[in-house]
Amino acid sequence: MQFMDVSDLDLWLTRVRNLTVVAAVAYPALGVFLAVDEGWRWSFVALFLLSPVAAVLGIRAQREIRGGLSAAAMALAIAPLPLMAAAEAL
């Protein structure tokens, strides 16, 4: 069994932290743009709620060096877009 190198883990944690922080800024901006352009929809709430939670988890995962928490943060950073699309399709 081959273990992950410490530098690889640090790179993973840093990239996930950066992704979640960028998502915390970009998704609310996208939500405001969509609300102004297309009118308010309740599915836009996912853009405003999940991205700050993902950013907090991403920062905490890097600080505490936790790979599983980092994976959860990345999943929460990516989840609002398909979730919003699925809610709009209904």
N, C-alpha and C. Protein backbone atom coordinates (compact mmCIF):
# COMPACT_ATOMS: atom_id res chain seq x y z
N MET A 1 0.84 -1.18 0.00
CA MET A 1 0.00 0.00 0.00
C MET A 1 0.89 1.24 0.00
N GLN A 2 0.61 2.13 -0.91
CA GLN A 2 1.42 3.33 -1.03
C GLN A 2 0.70 4.49 -0.35
N PHE A 3 1.44 5.19 0.49
CA PHE A 3 0.85 6.30 1.22
C PHE A 3 1.09 7.61 0.48
N MET A 4 0.25 8.57 0.76
CA MET A 4 0.36 9.87 0.14
C MET A 4 1.52 10.65 0.76
N ASP A 5 2.28 11.29 -0.06
CA ASP A 5 3.38 12.11 0.42
C ASP A 5 2.83 13.36 1.12
N VAL A 6 3.56 13.87 2.08
CA VAL A 6 3.11 15.04 2.85
C VAL A 6 2.96 16.25 1.94
N SER A 7 3.83 16.42 0.98
CA SER A 7 3.71 17.57 0.07
C SER A 7 2.48 17.44 -0.81
N ASP A 8 2.11 16.20 -1.19
CA ASP A 8 0.89 16.00 -1.98
C ASP A 8 -0.35 16.35 -1.16
N LEU A 9 -0.34 15.96 0.09
CA LEU A 9 -1.47 16.28 0.97
C LEU A 9 -1.58 17.78 1.18
N ASP A 10 -0.46 18.44 1.36
CA ASP A 10 -0.47 19.89 1.54
C ASP A 10 -0.98 20.59 0.27
N LEU A 11 -0.56 20.09 -0.88
CA LEU A 11 -1.04 20.65 -2.14
C LEU A 11 -2.55 20.45 -2.29
N TRP A 12 -3.05 19.26 -1.95
CA TRP A 12 -4.48 18.97 -2.01
C TRP A 12 -5.27 19.90 -1.09
N LEU A 13 -4.81 20.04 0.15
CA LEU A 13 -5.52 20.88 1.11
C LEU A 13 -5.51 22.34 0.68
N THR A 14 -4.40 22.80 0.12
CA THR A 14 -4.32 24.18 -0.35
C THR A 14 -5.25 24.42 -1.53
N ARG A 15 -5.28 23.49 -2.46
CA ARG A 15 -6.16 23.67 -3.63
C ARG A 15 -7.63 23.66 -3.25
N VAL A 16 -7.99 22.77 -2.34
CA VAL A 16 -9.39 22.72 -1.90
C VAL A 16 -9.74 24.00 -1.15
N ARG A 17 -8.84 24.49 -0.30
CA ARG A 17 -9.10 25.74 0.41
C ARG A 17 -9.32 26.88 -0.58
N ASN A 18 -8.46 26.97 -1.60
CA ASN A 18 -8.59 28.03 -2.59
C ASN A 18 -9.90 27.90 -3.38
N LEU A 19 -10.27 26.68 -3.74
CA LEU A 19 -11.52 26.45 -4.47
C LEU A 19 -12.72 26.88 -3.64
N THR A 20 -12.72 26.54 -2.36
CA THR A 20 -13.88 26.87 -1.54
C THR A 20 -13.97 28.37 -1.25
N VAL A 21 -12.84 29.02 -1.09
CA VAL A 21 -12.86 30.47 -0.85
C VAL A 21 -13.33 31.21 -2.10
N VAL A 22 -12.87 30.78 -3.26
CA VAL A 22 -13.31 31.40 -4.51
C VAL A 22 -14.81 31.16 -4.73
N ALA A 23 -15.27 29.96 -4.40
CA ALA A 23 -16.70 29.65 -4.54
C ALA A 23 -17.53 30.50 -3.59
N ALA A 24 -17.00 30.79 -2.40
CA ALA A 24 -17.75 31.62 -1.44
C ALA A 24 -17.92 33.04 -1.95
N VAL A 25 -17.05 33.48 -2.81
CA VAL A 25 -17.17 34.82 -3.40
C VAL A 25 -17.96 34.78 -4.71
N ALA A 26 -17.70 33.78 -5.52
CA ALA A 26 -18.29 33.73 -6.86
C ALA A 26 -19.77 33.33 -6.86
N TYR A 27 -20.16 32.38 -6.01
CA TYR A 27 -21.54 31.91 -6.04
C TYR A 27 -22.55 32.97 -5.60
N PRO A 28 -22.31 33.72 -4.54
CA PRO A 28 -23.27 34.80 -4.24
C PRO A 28 -23.32 35.86 -5.34
N ALA A 29 -22.19 36.15 -5.96
CA ALA A 29 -22.20 37.09 -7.09
C ALA A 29 -23.02 36.53 -8.24
N LEU A 30 -22.88 35.24 -8.51
CA LEU A 30 -23.69 34.59 -9.54
C LEU A 30 -25.16 34.62 -9.16
N GLY A 31 -25.46 34.39 -7.88
CA GLY A 31 -26.85 34.44 -7.42
C GLY A 31 -27.48 35.81 -7.59
N VAL A 32 -26.71 36.86 -7.29
CA VAL A 32 -27.22 38.23 -7.48
C VAL A 32 -27.44 38.50 -8.96
N PHE A 33 -26.49 38.09 -9.80
CA PHE A 33 -26.64 38.28 -11.24
C PHE A 33 -27.88 37.56 -11.77
N LEU A 34 -28.06 36.31 -11.37
CA LEU A 34 -29.22 35.56 -11.84
C LEU A 34 -30.52 36.14 -11.31
N ALA A 35 -30.51 36.63 -10.07
CA ALA A 35 -31.73 37.21 -9.50
C ALA A 35 -32.12 38.48 -10.23
N VAL A 36 -31.13 39.29 -10.59
CA VAL A 36 -31.42 40.53 -11.32
C VAL A 36 -31.83 40.21 -12.76
N ASP A 37 -31.15 39.27 -13.39
CA ASP A 37 -31.39 38.97 -14.80
C ASP A 37 -32.67 38.17 -15.02
N GLU A 38 -32.89 37.14 -14.21
CA GLU A 38 -34.02 36.25 -14.44
C GLU A 38 -35.12 36.34 -13.40
N GLY A 39 -34.92 37.13 -12.37
CA GLY A 39 -35.90 37.18 -11.30
C GLY A 39 -35.55 36.17 -10.22
N TRP A 40 -36.02 36.45 -9.01
CA TRP A 40 -35.66 35.60 -7.88
C TRP A 40 -36.32 34.25 -7.98
N ARG A 41 -35.53 33.22 -7.74
CA ARG A 41 -36.02 31.85 -7.65
C ARG A 41 -35.51 31.27 -6.34
N TRP A 42 -36.28 30.42 -5.73
CA TRP A 42 -35.88 29.84 -4.44
C TRP A 42 -34.68 28.92 -4.57
N SER A 43 -34.41 28.43 -5.77
CA SER A 43 -33.25 27.55 -5.95
C SER A 43 -31.93 28.30 -5.80
N PHE A 44 -31.97 29.64 -5.89
CA PHE A 44 -30.75 30.43 -5.74
C PHE A 44 -30.26 30.44 -4.29
N VAL A 45 -31.10 30.01 -3.37
CA VAL A 45 -30.70 29.96 -1.96
C VAL A 45 -29.49 29.03 -1.78
N ALA A 46 -29.38 27.99 -2.60
CA ALA A 46 -28.24 27.09 -2.51
C ALA A 46 -26.93 27.81 -2.77
N LEU A 47 -26.96 28.80 -3.66
CA LEU A 47 -25.74 29.56 -3.93
C LEU A 47 -25.31 30.39 -2.73
N PHE A 48 -26.27 30.88 -1.97
CA PHE A 48 -25.94 31.75 -0.85
C PHE A 48 -25.64 30.99 0.44
N LEU A 49 -26.18 29.79 0.61
CA LEU A 49 -26.01 29.06 1.86
C LEU A 49 -24.85 28.08 1.87
N LEU A 50 -24.69 27.32 0.80
CA LEU A 50 -23.69 26.26 0.82
C LEU A 50 -22.27 26.76 0.62
N SER A 51 -22.07 27.84 -0.11
CA SER A 51 -20.71 28.29 -0.38
C SER A 51 -19.98 28.81 0.86
N PRO A 52 -20.59 29.59 1.76
CA PRO A 52 -19.84 29.97 2.96
C PRO A 52 -19.54 28.79 3.87
N VAL A 53 -20.44 27.82 3.93
CA VAL A 53 -20.19 26.63 4.74
C VAL A 53 -19.00 25.86 4.16
N ALA A 54 -18.95 25.74 2.85
CA ALA A 54 -17.83 25.05 2.21
C ALA A 54 -16.51 25.78 2.46
N ALA A 55 -16.54 27.11 2.43
CA ALA A 55 -15.32 27.89 2.67
C ALA A 55 -14.81 27.69 4.10
N VAL A 56 -15.71 27.70 5.05
CA VAL A 56 -15.31 27.48 6.45
C VAL A 56 -14.72 26.09 6.62
N LEU A 57 -15.35 25.09 6.01
CA LEU A 57 -14.83 23.73 6.11
C LEU A 57 -13.49 23.58 5.40
N GLY A 58 -13.32 24.25 4.26
CA GLY A 58 -12.06 24.17 3.54
C GLY A 58 -10.91 24.79 4.30
N ILE A 59 -11.16 25.93 4.92
CA ILE A 59 -10.12 26.59 5.71
C ILE A 59 -9.80 25.75 6.94
N ARG A 60 -10.82 25.23 7.58
CA ARG A 60 -10.62 24.40 8.77
C ARG A 60 -9.89 23.10 8.44
N ALA A 61 -10.19 22.53 7.27
CA ALA A 61 -9.53 21.28 6.87
C ALA A 61 -8.04 21.50 6.66
N GLN A 62 -7.66 22.63 6.08
CA GLN A 62 -6.23 22.87 5.90
C GLN A 62 -5.55 23.17 7.22
N ARG A 63 -6.21 23.91 8.08
CA ARG A 63 -5.63 24.25 9.37
C ARG A 63 -5.42 23.01 10.23
N GLU A 64 -6.38 22.09 10.20
CA GLU A 64 -6.30 20.90 11.04
C GLU A 64 -5.71 19.69 10.31
N ILE A 65 -5.37 19.86 9.03
CA ILE A 65 -4.80 18.80 8.19
C ILE A 65 -5.70 17.57 8.19
N ARG A 66 -6.89 17.75 7.67
CA ARG A 66 -7.88 16.66 7.61
C ARG A 66 -8.33 16.49 6.17
N GLY A 67 -7.94 15.38 5.58
CA GLY A 67 -8.26 15.10 4.18
C GLY A 67 -9.73 14.84 3.93
N GLY A 68 -10.39 14.13 4.85
CA GLY A 68 -11.81 13.83 4.69
C GLY A 68 -12.68 15.07 4.76
N LEU A 69 -12.35 15.96 5.67
CA LEU A 69 -13.08 17.22 5.78
C LEU A 69 -12.85 18.08 4.54
N SER A 70 -11.65 17.97 3.99
CA SER A 70 -11.34 18.69 2.76
C SER A 70 -12.18 18.17 1.59
N ALA A 71 -12.36 16.87 1.51
CA ALA A 71 -13.20 16.29 0.46
C ALA A 71 -14.66 16.71 0.62
N ALA A 72 -15.13 16.77 1.86
CA ALA A 72 -16.50 17.23 2.10
C ALA A 72 -16.66 18.70 1.72
N ALA A 73 -15.65 19.50 2.01
CA ALA A 73 -15.70 20.92 1.64
C ALA A 73 -15.74 21.08 0.13
N MET A 74 -14.96 20.27 -0.58
CA MET A 74 -14.97 20.37 -2.04
C MET A 74 -16.32 19.94 -2.60
N ALA A 75 -16.90 18.90 -2.02
CA ALA A 75 -18.23 18.46 -2.48
C ALA A 75 -19.28 19.54 -2.24
N LEU A 76 -19.20 20.21 -1.09
CA LEU A 76 -20.15 21.30 -0.82
C LEU A 76 -19.90 22.52 -1.71
N ALA A 77 -18.66 22.71 -2.14
CA ALA A 77 -18.37 23.84 -3.03
C ALA A 77 -18.90 23.59 -4.44
N ILE A 78 -18.96 22.33 -4.84
CA ILE A 78 -19.43 22.00 -6.19
C ILE A 78 -20.94 21.76 -6.23
N ALA A 79 -21.52 21.36 -5.12
CA ALA A 79 -22.92 20.94 -5.06
C ALA A 79 -23.96 21.99 -5.43
N PRO A 80 -23.78 23.28 -5.15
CA PRO A 80 -24.87 24.22 -5.43
C PRO A 80 -25.29 24.30 -6.89
N LEU A 81 -24.38 24.15 -7.82
CA LEU A 81 -24.76 24.28 -9.23
C LEU A 81 -25.66 23.14 -9.70
N PRO A 82 -25.31 21.87 -9.49
CA PRO A 82 -26.26 20.81 -9.90
C PRO A 82 -27.54 20.82 -9.08
N LEU A 83 -27.44 21.19 -7.81
CA LEU A 83 -28.63 21.25 -6.96
C LEU A 83 -29.60 22.33 -7.45
N MET A 84 -29.05 23.48 -7.82
CA MET A 84 -29.88 24.56 -8.35
C MET A 84 -30.50 24.15 -9.69
N ALA A 85 -29.71 23.49 -10.54
CA ALA A 85 -30.23 23.06 -11.83
C ALA A 85 -31.34 22.02 -11.67
N ALA A 86 -31.16 21.11 -10.71
CA ALA A 86 -32.18 20.09 -10.48
C ALA A 86 -33.46 20.70 -9.94
N ALA A 87 -33.34 21.67 -9.06
CA ALA A 87 -34.53 22.34 -8.51
C ALA A 87 -35.25 23.14 -9.59
N GLU A 88 -34.51 23.73 -10.49
CA GLU A 88 -35.14 24.50 -11.56
C GLU A 88 -35.81 23.58 -12.59
N ALA A 89 -35.29 22.36 -12.73
CA ALA A 89 -35.87 21.43 -13.70
C ALA A 89 -37.22 20.89 -13.22
N LEU A 90 -37.43 20.92 -11.91
CA LEU A 90 -38.71 20.43 -11.38
C LEU A 90 -39.76 21.41 -11.67
